[in-house]
C-alpha atoms as a PDB file:
ATOM      1  CA  MET A   1      -0.008   0.055   0.070  1.00  0.00           C
ATOM      2  CA  ASN A   2       1.538   3.384  -1.139  1.00  0.00           C
ATOM      3  CA  LYS A   3       1.478   6.481   1.078  1.00  0.00           C
ATOM      4  CA  PRO A   4      -1.615   8.167  -0.487  1.00  0.00           C
ATOM      5  CA  GLU A   5      -3.563   4.950  -0.265  1.00  0.00           C
ATOM      6  CA  PHE A   6      -2.576   4.499   3.313  1.00  0.00           C
ATOM      7  CA  LEU A   7      -3.539   8.090   4.144  1.00  0.00           C
ATOM      8  CA  THR A   8      -6.902   7.737   2.376  1.00  0.00           C
ATOM      9  CA  ARG A   9      -7.561   4.498   4.132  1.00  0.00           C
ATOM     10  CA  THR A  10      -6.633   5.989   7.539  1.00  0.00           C
ATOM     11  CA  ILE A  11      -8.812   9.024   7.104  1.00  0.00           C
ATOM     12  CA  THR A  12     -11.803   6.974   5.987  1.00  0.00           C
ATOM     13  CA  GLY A  13     -11.271   4.421   8.833  1.00  0.00           C
ATOM     14  CA  LEU A  14     -11.227   7.303  11.409  1.00  0.00           C
ATOM     15  CA  PHE A  15     -14.370   8.714   9.842  1.00  0.00           C
ATOM     16  CA  ILE A  16     -16.211   5.355  10.005  1.00  0.00           C
ATOM     17  CA  GLY A  17     -15.046   4.815  13.594  1.00  0.00           C
ATOM     18  CA  ALA A  18     -16.241   8.295  14.683  1.00  0.00           C
ATOM     19  CA  ILE A  19     -19.620   7.856  13.140  1.00  0.00           C
ATOM     20  CA  SER A  20     -20.097   4.341  14.629  1.00  0.00           C
ATOM     21  CA  LEU A  21     -18.947   5.554  18.129  1.00  0.00           C
ATOM     22  CA  ALA A  22     -21.192   8.724  18.008  1.00  0.00           C
ATOM     23  CA  ALA A  23     -24.179   6.744  16.867  1.00  0.00           C
ATOM     24  CA  ILE A  24     -23.821   4.048  19.528  1.00  0.00           C
ATOM     25  CA  ILE A  25     -22.998   6.411  22.391  1.00  0.00           C
ATOM     26  CA  PHE A  26     -25.288   9.354  21.709  1.00  0.00           C
ATOM     27  CA  SER A  27     -28.794   7.729  22.213  1.00  0.00           C
ATOM     28  CA  PRO A  28     -30.730   4.549  21.405  1.00  0.00           C
ATOM     29  CA  TRP A  29     -32.311   6.349  18.468  1.00  0.00           C
ATOM     30  CA  THR A  30     -28.999   7.138  16.758  1.00  0.00           C
ATOM     31  CA  TYR A  31     -27.996   3.631  17.341  1.00  0.00           C
ATOM     32  CA  LEU A  32     -31.090   2.431  15.675  1.00  0.00           C
ATOM     33  CA  ALA A  33     -30.469   4.821  12.787  1.00  0.00           C
ATOM     34  CA  TRP A  34     -26.905   3.367  12.545  1.00  0.00           C
ATOM     35  CA  LEU A  35     -28.422  -0.249  12.212  1.00  0.00           C
ATOM     36  CA  CYS A  36     -30.878   1.061   9.548  1.00  0.00           C
ATOM     37  CA  LEU A  37     -28.102   2.679   7.588  1.00  0.00           C
ATOM     38  CA  ILE A  38     -26.012  -0.607   7.548  1.00  0.00           C
ATOM     39  CA  ALA A  39     -29.246  -2.454   6.610  1.00  0.00           C
ATOM     40  CA  TYR A  40     -30.092  -0.167   3.708  1.00  0.00           C
ATOM     41  CA  LEU A  41     -26.641   0.234   2.214  1.00  0.00           C
ATOM     42  CA  GLY A  42     -25.515  -3.306   2.902  1.00  0.00           C
ATOM     43  CA  THR A  43     -28.602  -4.695   1.177  1.00  0.00           C
ATOM     44  CA  ARG A  44     -27.968  -2.515  -1.896  1.00  0.00           C
ATOM     45  CA  GLU A  45     -24.422  -3.789  -2.161  1.00  0.00           C
ATOM     46  CA  TYR A  46     -25.269  -7.352  -1.709  1.00  0.00           C
ATOM     47  CA  LEU A  47     -28.056  -7.377  -4.274  1.00  0.00           C
ATOM     48  CA  LYS A  48     -25.606  -5.998  -6.938  1.00  0.00           C
ATOM     49  CA  LEU A  49     -22.853  -8.369  -5.877  1.00  0.00           C
ATOM     50  CA  GLY A  50     -22.078 -11.566  -7.757  1.00  0.00           C
ATOM     51  CA  LYS A  51     -23.785 -13.913 -10.059  1.00  0.00           C
ATOM     52  CA  ASP A  52     -27.194 -13.617  -8.310  1.00  0.00           C
ATOM     53  CA  SER A  53     -27.290  -9.885  -8.662  1.00  0.00           C
ATOM     54  CA  ILE A  54     -30.800  -8.861  -9.574  1.00  0.00           C
ATOM     55  CA  ALA A  55     -31.993  -6.205 -11.971  1.00  0.00           C
ATOM     56  CA  SER A  56     -32.571  -2.769 -10.332  1.00  0.00           C
ATOM     57  CA  SER A  57     -36.189  -2.808 -11.536  1.00  0.00           C
ATOM     58  CA  HIS A  58     -36.985  -5.844  -9.498  1.00  0.00           C
ATOM     59  CA  GLY A  59     -34.787  -5.317  -6.507  1.00  0.00           C
ATOM     60  CA  ALA A  60     -34.995  -1.615  -5.792  1.00  0.00           C
ATOM     61  CA  ASP A  61     -37.519  -2.057  -3.108  1.00  0.00           C
ATOM     62  CA  MET A  62     -35.544  -4.594  -1.009  1.00  0.00           C
ATOM     63  CA  PRO A  63     -33.123  -2.225   0.698  1.00  0.00           C
ATOM     64  CA  PHE A  64     -35.955  -0.027   1.687  1.00  0.00           C
ATOM     65  CA  LEU A  65     -38.010  -3.013   2.857  1.00  0.00           C
ATOM     66  CA  ILE A  66     -35.107  -4.296   5.023  1.00  0.00           C
ATOM     67  CA  LEU A  67     -34.640  -0.769   6.444  1.00  0.00           C
ATOM     68  CA  VAL A  68     -38.400  -0.524   7.386  1.00  0.00           C
ATOM     69  CA  ILE A  69     -38.263  -3.956   9.122  1.00  0.00           C
ATOM     70  CA  VAL A  70     -35.293  -3.053  11.234  1.00  0.00           C
ATOM     71  CA  ALA A  71     -36.626   0.454  12.009  1.00  0.00           C
ATOM     72  CA  ALA A  72     -40.115  -0.817  12.840  1.00  0.00           C
ATOM     73  CA  THR A  73     -38.628  -3.532  15.190  1.00  0.00           C
ATOM     74  CA  GLY A  74     -36.410  -1.030  16.979  1.00  0.00           C
ATOM     75  CA  TYR A  75     -39.156   1.546  17.290  1.00  0.00           C
ATOM     76  CA  ALA A  76     -41.514  -1.002  18.739  1.00  0.00           C
ATOM     77  CA  ILE A  77     -38.962  -2.008  21.366  1.00  0.00           C
ATOM     78  CA  LEU A  78     -38.199   1.600  22.345  1.00  0.00           C
ATOM     79  CA  LYS A  79     -41.882   2.436  22.682  1.00  0.00           C
ATOM     80  CA  GLY A  80     -42.639  -0.571  24.655  1.00  0.00           C
ATOM     81  CA  ILE A  81     -44.771  -2.288  21.994  1.00  0.00           C
ATOM     82  CA  ASP A  82     -44.732  -6.021  21.737  1.00  0.00           C
ATOM     83  CA  PHE A  83     -42.290  -6.322  18.850  1.00  0.00           C
ATOM     84  CA  VAL A  84     -42.975 -10.000  18.173  1.00  0.00           C
ATOM     85  CA  HIS A  85     -45.903  -8.713  16.057  1.00  0.00           C
ATOM     86  CA  VAL A  86     -43.434  -6.756  13.933  1.00  0.00           C
ATOM     87  CA  LEU A  87     -41.165  -9.660  13.380  1.00  0.00           C
ATOM     88  CA  LEU A  88     -44.101 -11.799  12.307  1.00  0.00           C
ATOM     89  CA  LEU A  89     -44.610  -9.257   9.377  1.00  0.00           C
ATOM     90  CA  ILE A  90     -41.240 -10.451   7.806  1.00  0.00           C
ATOM     91  CA  PRO A  91     -42.418 -13.666   6.232  1.00  0.00           C
ATOM     92  CA  VAL A  92     -45.809 -11.962   5.375  1.00  0.00           C
ATOM     93  CA  LEU A  93     -43.961  -9.152   3.521  1.00  0.00           C
ATOM     94  CA  LEU A  94     -41.663 -11.503   1.708  1.00  0.00           C
ATOM     95  CA  SER A  95     -44.390 -13.864   0.620  1.00  0.00           C
ATOM     96  CA  GLY A  96     -46.520 -10.755  -0.583  1.00  0.00           C
ATOM     97  CA  ARG A  97     -43.415  -9.585  -2.515  1.00  0.00           C
ATOM     98  CA  PHE A  98     -43.030 -12.997  -4.166  1.00  0.00           C
ATOM     99  CA  ILE A  99     -46.705 -12.924  -5.212  1.00  0.00           C
ATOM    100  CA  ILE A 100     -46.061  -9.528  -6.901  1.00  0.00           C
ATOM    101  CA  GLN A 101     -42.940 -10.963  -8.626  1.00  0.00           C
ATOM    102  CA  LEU A 102     -45.021 -13.841 -10.040  1.00  0.00           C
ATOM    103  CA  LEU A 103     -47.043 -11.221 -11.870  1.00  0.00           C
ATOM    104  CA  ALA A 104     -44.184  -8.967 -12.860  1.00  0.00           C
ATOM    105  CA  VAL A 105     -41.550 -11.586 -13.905  1.00  0.00           C
ATOM    106  CA  LYS A 106     -42.197 -13.897 -16.800  1.00  0.00           C
ATOM    107  CA  GLU A 107     -38.951 -15.825 -16.988  1.00  0.00           C
ATOM    108  CA  VAL A 108     -38.563 -18.644 -14.434  1.00  0.00           C
ATOM    109  CA  SER A 109     -34.757 -18.251 -14.151  1.00  0.00           C
ATOM    110  CA  GLU A 110     -35.137 -14.542 -13.425  1.00  0.00           C
ATOM    111  CA  LEU A 111     -37.822 -15.176 -10.873  1.00  0.00           C
ATOM    112  CA  VAL A 112     -35.725 -17.802  -9.015  1.00  0.00           C
ATOM    113  CA  LYS A 113     -32.595 -15.695  -9.164  1.00  0.00           C
ATOM    114  CA  ASN A 114     -34.535 -12.638  -7.799  1.00  0.00           C
ATOM    115  CA  THR A 115     -36.251 -14.674  -4.954  1.00  0.00           C
ATOM    116  CA  ARG A 116     -33.042 -16.462  -3.943  1.00  0.00           C
ATOM    117  CA  SER A 117     -31.326 -13.163  -3.543  1.00  0.00           C
ATOM    118  CA  VAL A 118     -34.115 -11.705  -1.429  1.00  0.00           C
ATOM    119  CA  TYR A 119     -34.239 -14.569   0.953  1.00  0.00           C
ATOM    120  CA  SER A 120     -30.431 -14.795   1.270  1.00  0.00           C
ATOM    121  CA  VAL A 121     -30.206 -11.090   1.985  1.00  0.00           C
ATOM    122  CA  VAL A 122     -32.732 -11.478   4.860  1.00  0.00           C
ATOM    123  CA  ALA A 123     -30.532 -14.303   6.332  1.00  0.00           C
ATOM    124  CA  TYR A 124     -27.210 -12.402   5.779  1.00  0.00           C
ATOM    125  CA  ILE A 125     -28.126  -8.869   6.722  1.00  0.00           C
ATOM    126  CA  ALA A 126     -31.605  -8.377   8.085  1.00  0.00           C
ATOM    127  CA  ILE A 127     -31.653 -11.067  10.772  1.00  0.00           C
ATOM    128  CA  PRO A 128     -28.240 -10.070  12.252  1.00  0.00           C
ATOM    129  CA  LEU A 129     -29.255  -6.475  12.374  1.00  0.00           C
ATOM    130  CA  LEU A 130     -32.521  -7.333  13.919  1.00  0.00           C
ATOM    131  CA  THR A 131     -30.693  -9.150  16.695  1.00  0.00           C
ATOM    132  CA  GLY A 132     -28.943  -5.853  17.328  1.00  0.00           C
ATOM    133  CA  CYS A 133     -32.260  -4.436  18.348  1.00  0.00           C
ATOM    134  CA  VAL A 134     -32.189  -6.687  21.458  1.00  0.00           C
ATOM    135  CA  PHE A 135     -29.786  -4.045  22.944  1.00  0.00           C
ATOM    136  CA  LEU A 136     -32.692  -1.580  22.820  1.00  0.00           C
ATOM    137  CA  TYR A 137     -34.753  -3.820  25.213  1.00  0.00           C
ATOM    138  CA  GLY A 138     -34.938  -2.376  28.740  1.00  0.00           C
ATOM    139  CA  THR A 139     -32.652   0.434  29.724  1.00  0.00           C
ATOM    140  CA  TYR A 140     -30.267   1.260  26.857  1.00  0.00           C
ATOM    141  CA  SER A 141     -26.656   1.106  27.757  1.00  0.00           C
ATOM    142  CA  TRP A 142     -24.244   1.872  24.968  1.00  0.00           C
ATOM    143  CA  LYS A 143     -21.295   0.004  26.629  1.00  0.00           C
ATOM    144  CA  PHE A 144     -22.855  -3.339  25.869  1.00  0.00           C
ATOM    145  CA  ILE A 145     -23.000  -2.792  22.104  1.00  0.00           C
ATOM    146  CA  LEU A 146     -19.720  -0.835  22.050  1.00  0.00           C
ATOM    147  CA  ILE A 147     -17.846  -3.751  23.522  1.00  0.00           C
ATOM    148  CA  PRO A 148     -18.322  -6.142  20.545  1.00  0.00           C
ATOM    149  CA  VAL A 149     -17.597  -3.284  18.192  1.00  0.00           C
ATOM    150  CA  ILE A 150     -14.291  -2.549  19.938  1.00  0.00           C
ATOM    151  CA  LEU A 151     -13.355  -6.144  20.109  1.00  0.00           C
ATOM    152  CA  ILE A 152     -13.890  -6.582  16.424  1.00  0.00           C
ATOM    153  CA  TRP A 153     -11.650  -3.580  15.713  1.00  0.00           C
ATOM    154  CA  ILE A 154      -8.909  -4.969  17.985  1.00  0.00           C
ATOM    155  CA  ASN A 155      -9.183  -8.352  16.520  1.00  0.00           C
ATOM    156  CA  ASP A 156      -8.701  -6.983  12.984  1.00  0.00           C
ATOM    157  CA  ILE A 157      -5.739  -4.798  13.921  1.00  0.00           C
ATOM    158  CA  GLY A 158      -4.058  -7.620  15.939  1.00  0.00           C
ATOM    159  CA  ALA A 159      -4.652 -10.102  13.080  1.00  0.00           C
ATOM    160  CA  TYR A 160      -3.225  -7.694  10.541  1.00  0.00           C
ATOM    161  CA  MET A 161      -0.132  -6.804  12.632  1.00  0.00           C
ATOM    162  CA  ILE A 162       0.766 -10.371  13.523  1.00  0.00           C
ATOM    163  CA  GLY A 163      -0.249 -11.873  10.209  1.00  0.00           C
ATOM    164  CA  SER A 164       1.743  -9.298   8.133  1.00  0.00           C
ATOM    165  CA  GLN A 165       4.937 -10.054  10.152  1.00  0.00           C
ATOM    166  CA  TRP A 166       4.844 -13.632  10.936  1.00  0.00           C
ATOM    167  CA  GLY A 167       1.917 -15.136   8.951  1.00  0.00           C
ATOM    168  CA  LYS A 168       3.120 -18.172   7.006  1.00  0.00           C
ATOM    169  CA  HIS A 169       0.372 -20.815   7.219  1.00  0.00           C
ATOM    170  CA  LYS A 170      -2.781 -19.755   5.300  1.00  0.00           C
ATOM    171  CA  ILE A 171      -6.082 -20.494   6.939  1.00  0.00           C
ATOM    172  CA  ALA A 172      -8.257 -20.401   3.834  1.00  0.00           C
ATOM    173  CA  PRO A 173      -6.114 -19.783   0.823  1.00  0.00           C
ATOM    174  CA  ALA A 174      -8.857 -20.534  -1.681  1.00  0.00           C
ATOM    175  CA  ILE A 175     -10.971 -17.635  -0.162  1.00  0.00           C
ATOM    176  CA  SER A 176      -8.586 -15.136   1.279  1.00  0.00           C
ATOM    177  CA  PRO A 177      -4.871 -15.688   0.707  1.00  0.00           C
ATOM    178  CA  GLY A 178      -4.021 -12.920   3.176  1.00  0.00           C
ATOM    179  CA  LYS A 179      -5.475 -14.699   6.202  1.00  0.00           C
ATOM    180  CA  SER A 180      -3.067 -16.752   8.236  1.00  0.00           C
ATOM    181  CA  ILE A 181      -3.242 -19.004  11.209  1.00  0.00           C
ATOM    182  CA  GLU A 182      -0.648 -16.965  13.005  1.00  0.00           C
ATOM    183  CA  GLY A 183      -2.664 -13.680  12.349  1.00  0.00           C
ATOM    184  CA  THR A 184      -5.811 -15.424  13.496  1.00  0.00           C
ATOM    185  CA  ILE A 185      -4.214 -16.555  16.757  1.00  0.00           C
ATOM    186  CA  GLY A 186      -2.622 -13.029  17.189  1.00  0.00           C
ATOM    187  CA  GLY A 187      -6.030 -11.347  16.711  1.00  0.00           C
ATOM    188  CA  GLY A 188      -7.509 -13.722  19.159  1.00  0.00           C
ATOM    189  CA  LEU A 189      -4.972 -13.027  21.872  1.00  0.00           C
ATOM    190  CA  ALA A 190      -5.290  -9.312  21.237  1.00  0.00           C
ATOM    191  CA  THR A 191      -9.022  -9.592  21.601  1.00  0.00           C
ATOM    192  CA  ILE A 192      -8.944 -11.417  24.850  1.00  0.00           C
ATOM    193  CA  SER A 193      -6.420  -8.863  26.238  1.00  0.00           C
ATOM    194  CA  ALA A 194      -8.697  -6.055  25.159  1.00  0.00           C
ATOM    195  CA  GLY A 195     -11.611  -7.793  26.829  1.00  0.00           C
ATOM    196  CA  LEU A 196      -9.753  -7.881  30.163  1.00  0.00           C
ATOM    197  CA  ILE A 197      -8.781  -4.265  29.874  1.00  0.00           C
ATOM    198  CA  LEU A 198     -12.392  -3.206  29.092  1.00  0.00           C
ATOM    199  CA  ARG A 199     -13.593  -5.239  32.091  1.00  0.00           C
ATOM    200  CA  ALA A 200     -11.254  -3.356  34.272  1.00  0.00           C
ATOM    201  CA  PHE A 201     -12.440  -0.046  33.043  1.00  0.00           C
ATOM    202  CA  TRP A 202     -16.074  -1.111  33.207  1.00  0.00           C
ATOM    203  CA  PRO A 203     -16.327  -3.445  36.202  1.00  0.00           C
ATOM    204  CA  GLU A 204     -20.210  -3.178  36.143  1.00  0.00           C
ATOM    205  CA  ILE A 205     -20.166  -5.264  32.952  1.00  0.00           C
ATOM    206  CA  PRO A 206     -21.011  -8.909  33.875  1.00  0.00           C
ATOM    207  CA  LEU A 207     -17.914 -11.076  33.593  1.00  0.00           C
ATOM    208  CA  TYR A 208     -19.526 -13.877  31.716  1.00  0.00           C
ATOM    209  CA  TYR A 209     -20.732 -11.354  29.074  1.00  0.00           C
ATOM    210  CA  MET A 210     -17.209 -10.053  28.597  1.00  0.00           C
ATOM    211  CA  VAL A 211     -15.687 -13.588  28.565  1.00  0.00           C
ATOM    212  CA  ALA A 212     -18.170 -14.944  26.059  1.00  0.00           C
ATOM    213  CA  LEU A 213     -17.535 -12.039  23.628  1.00  0.00           C
ATOM    214  CA  SER A 214     -13.766 -12.113  24.136  1.00  0.00           C
ATOM    215  CA  LEU A 215     -13.638 -15.753  23.134  1.00  0.00           C
ATOM    216  CA  ALA A 216     -16.367 -15.721  20.479  1.00  0.00           C
ATOM    217  CA  THR A 217     -15.470 -12.502  18.559  1.00  0.00           C
ATOM    218  CA  PRO A 218     -12.289 -13.761  16.898  1.00  0.00           C
ATOM    219  CA  LEU A 219     -14.003 -16.876  15.567  1.00  0.00           C
ATOM    220  CA  PHE A 220     -17.243 -15.224  14.254  1.00  0.00           C
ATOM    221  CA  ALA A 221     -15.421 -12.176  13.024  1.00  0.00           C
ATOM    222  CA  LEU A 222     -13.183 -14.349  10.965  1.00  0.00           C
ATOM    223  CA  ALA A 223     -16.248 -16.358   9.574  1.00  0.00           C
ATOM    224  CA  GLY A 224     -17.913 -13.000   8.619  1.00  0.00           C
ATOM    225  CA  ASP A 225     -14.705 -11.825   6.950  1.00  0.00           C
ATOM    226  CA  LEU A 226     -14.189 -15.033   5.006  1.00  0.00           C
ATOM    227  CA  TRP A 227     -17.800 -15.218   3.890  1.00  0.00           C
ATOM    228  CA  GLU A 228     -17.726 -11.746   2.428  1.00  0.00           C
ATOM    229  CA  SER A 229     -14.347 -12.515   0.791  1.00  0.00           C
ATOM    230  CA  ALA A 230     -16.019 -15.680  -0.728  1.00  0.00           C
ATOM    231  CA  LEU A 231     -18.772 -13.475  -2.147  1.00  0.00           C
ATOM    232  CA  LYS A 232     -16.308 -11.089  -3.703  1.00  0.00           C
ATOM    233  CA  ARG A 233     -14.114 -13.797  -5.075  1.00  0.00           C
ATOM    234  CA  ASP A 234     -17.184 -15.499  -6.618  1.00  0.00           C
ATOM    235  CA  ALA A 235     -18.289 -12.179  -8.097  1.00  0.00           C
ATOM    236  CA  GLY A 236     -14.693 -11.394  -9.398  1.00  0.00           C
ATOM    237  CA  VAL A 237     -14.478  -8.140  -7.614  1.00  0.00           C
ATOM    238  CA  LYS A 238     -12.114  -6.641  -5.174  1.00  0.00           C
ATOM    239  CA  ASP A 239     -14.554  -4.669  -2.993  1.00  0.00           C
ATOM    240  CA  SER A 240     -18.218  -4.826  -2.262  1.00  0.00           C
ATOM    241  CA  GLY A 241     -18.723  -1.298  -3.284  1.00  0.00           C
ATOM    242  CA  ARG A 242     -17.047   2.156  -3.728  1.00  0.00           C
ATOM    243  CA  LEU A 243     -18.770   4.123  -1.020  1.00  0.00           C
ATOM    244  CA  LEU A 244     -15.811   4.237   1.311  1.00  0.00           C
ATOM    245  CA  PRO A 245     -12.502   5.391  -0.221  1.00  0.00           C
ATOM    246  CA  GLY A 246      -9.697   3.061   0.628  1.00  0.00           C
ATOM    247  CA  HIS A 247     -12.026   0.541   2.270  1.00  0.00           C
ATOM    248  CA  GLY A 248     -14.503  -0.357  -0.439  1.00  0.00           C
ATOM    249  CA  GLY A 249     -18.126  -0.709   0.554  1.00  0.00           C
ATOM    250  CA  ILE A 250     -20.364  -1.081   3.653  1.00  0.00           C
ATOM    251  CA  LEU A 251     -20.088  -4.918   3.680  1.00  0.00           C
ATOM    252  CA  ASP A 252     -16.285  -4.568   3.546  1.00  0.00           C
ATOM    253  CA  ARG A 253     -16.311  -2.675   6.815  1.00  0.00           C
ATOM    254  CA  TYR A 254     -19.237  -4.392   8.621  1.00  0.00           C
ATOM    255  CA  ASP A 255     -18.920  -8.012   7.414  1.00  0.00           C
ATOM    256  CA  SER A 256     -17.542  -9.184  10.819  1.00  0.00           C
ATOM    257  CA  LEU A 257     -20.262  -7.235  12.673  1.00  0.00           C
ATOM    258  CA  LEU A 258     -23.044  -9.049  10.849  1.00  0.00           C
ATOM    259  CA  PHE A 259     -21.691 -12.474  12.219  1.00  0.00           C
ATOM    260  CA  VAL A 260     -20.738 -11.194  15.707  1.00  0.00           C
ATOM    261  CA  MET A 261     -23.917  -9.185  16.373  1.00  0.00           C
ATOM    262  CA  PRO A 262     -26.195 -12.255  16.888  1.00  0.00           C
ATOM    263  CA  VAL A 263     -23.546 -13.666  19.287  1.00  0.00           C
ATOM    264  CA  ALA A 264     -23.329 -10.445  21.226  1.00  0.00           C
ATOM    265  CA  ALA A 265     -27.127 -10.181  21.394  1.00  0.00           C
ATOM    266  CA  LEU A 266     -27.502 -13.791  22.642  1.00  0.00           C
ATOM    267  CA  ALA A 267     -24.869 -13.178  25.373  1.00  0.00           C
ATOM    268  CA  TYR A 268     -26.697  -9.926  26.305  1.00  0.00           C
ATOM    269  CA  PHE A 269     -29.957 -11.773  26.553  1.00  0.00           C
ATOM    270  CA  ILE A 270     -28.451 -14.563  28.707  1.00  0.00           C
ATOM    271  CA  PHE A 271     -26.014 -12.720  30.977  1.00  0.00           C
ATOM    272  CA  VAL A 272     -27.449  -9.211  31.193  1.00  0.00           C
ATOM    273  CA  LEU A 273     -31.201  -9.015  30.782  1.00  0.00           C
END
């Protein structure tokens, strides 16, 4: 990476970090808006990515639909409404959309490609972000959601630093040649150390919550990173998008979060609520 590229990547990274931190810390409403932004932009990128990319005329509604589902769920929780009723709308909306597609799309192959992309984006993006709404339940405390975000960052930095210096054994060369076993171990140790430090600063955080995330984050962050790398490799592209200079797209930055978020929400539900 040359100097201008490094500078661009650093500035963009600081901007992304500042926006994420501000959204999480400021209020539950800004946190929800952050989830909705990732949902909308991530869905747009995913539906344009790869061999299953769908025509804009038949897929333009999905980013907005996913945004509405996440926003409605978060709003229901914050307002004390039984949000289960909102979640039940998801299969109803998807089935209704399929009925409309039956009337609009004449080619079977196009119909299957469109519907496959729609259901896969729900599993990959919508459901993980919906689990993020669990942190809105009860009294909102930004520390609980900030912890997995920080641990993901530390894991990425640790894996990059150790892997670039001592990485020799590739962990998944067919998917991501840059990922090494040494880097993965280094990232994991850095994450565990960061968890211990955060627990020292925030002793009110339940120990089991911190331990669960410190151990799980390296594994699930790696899975999210490799899955997004596999999508890009299959599509024959370097980045999922061009929105973020030096970083690529939204999925390039939040791929690990989409896999770690459900784990963090489960740990929050078990050890905190």
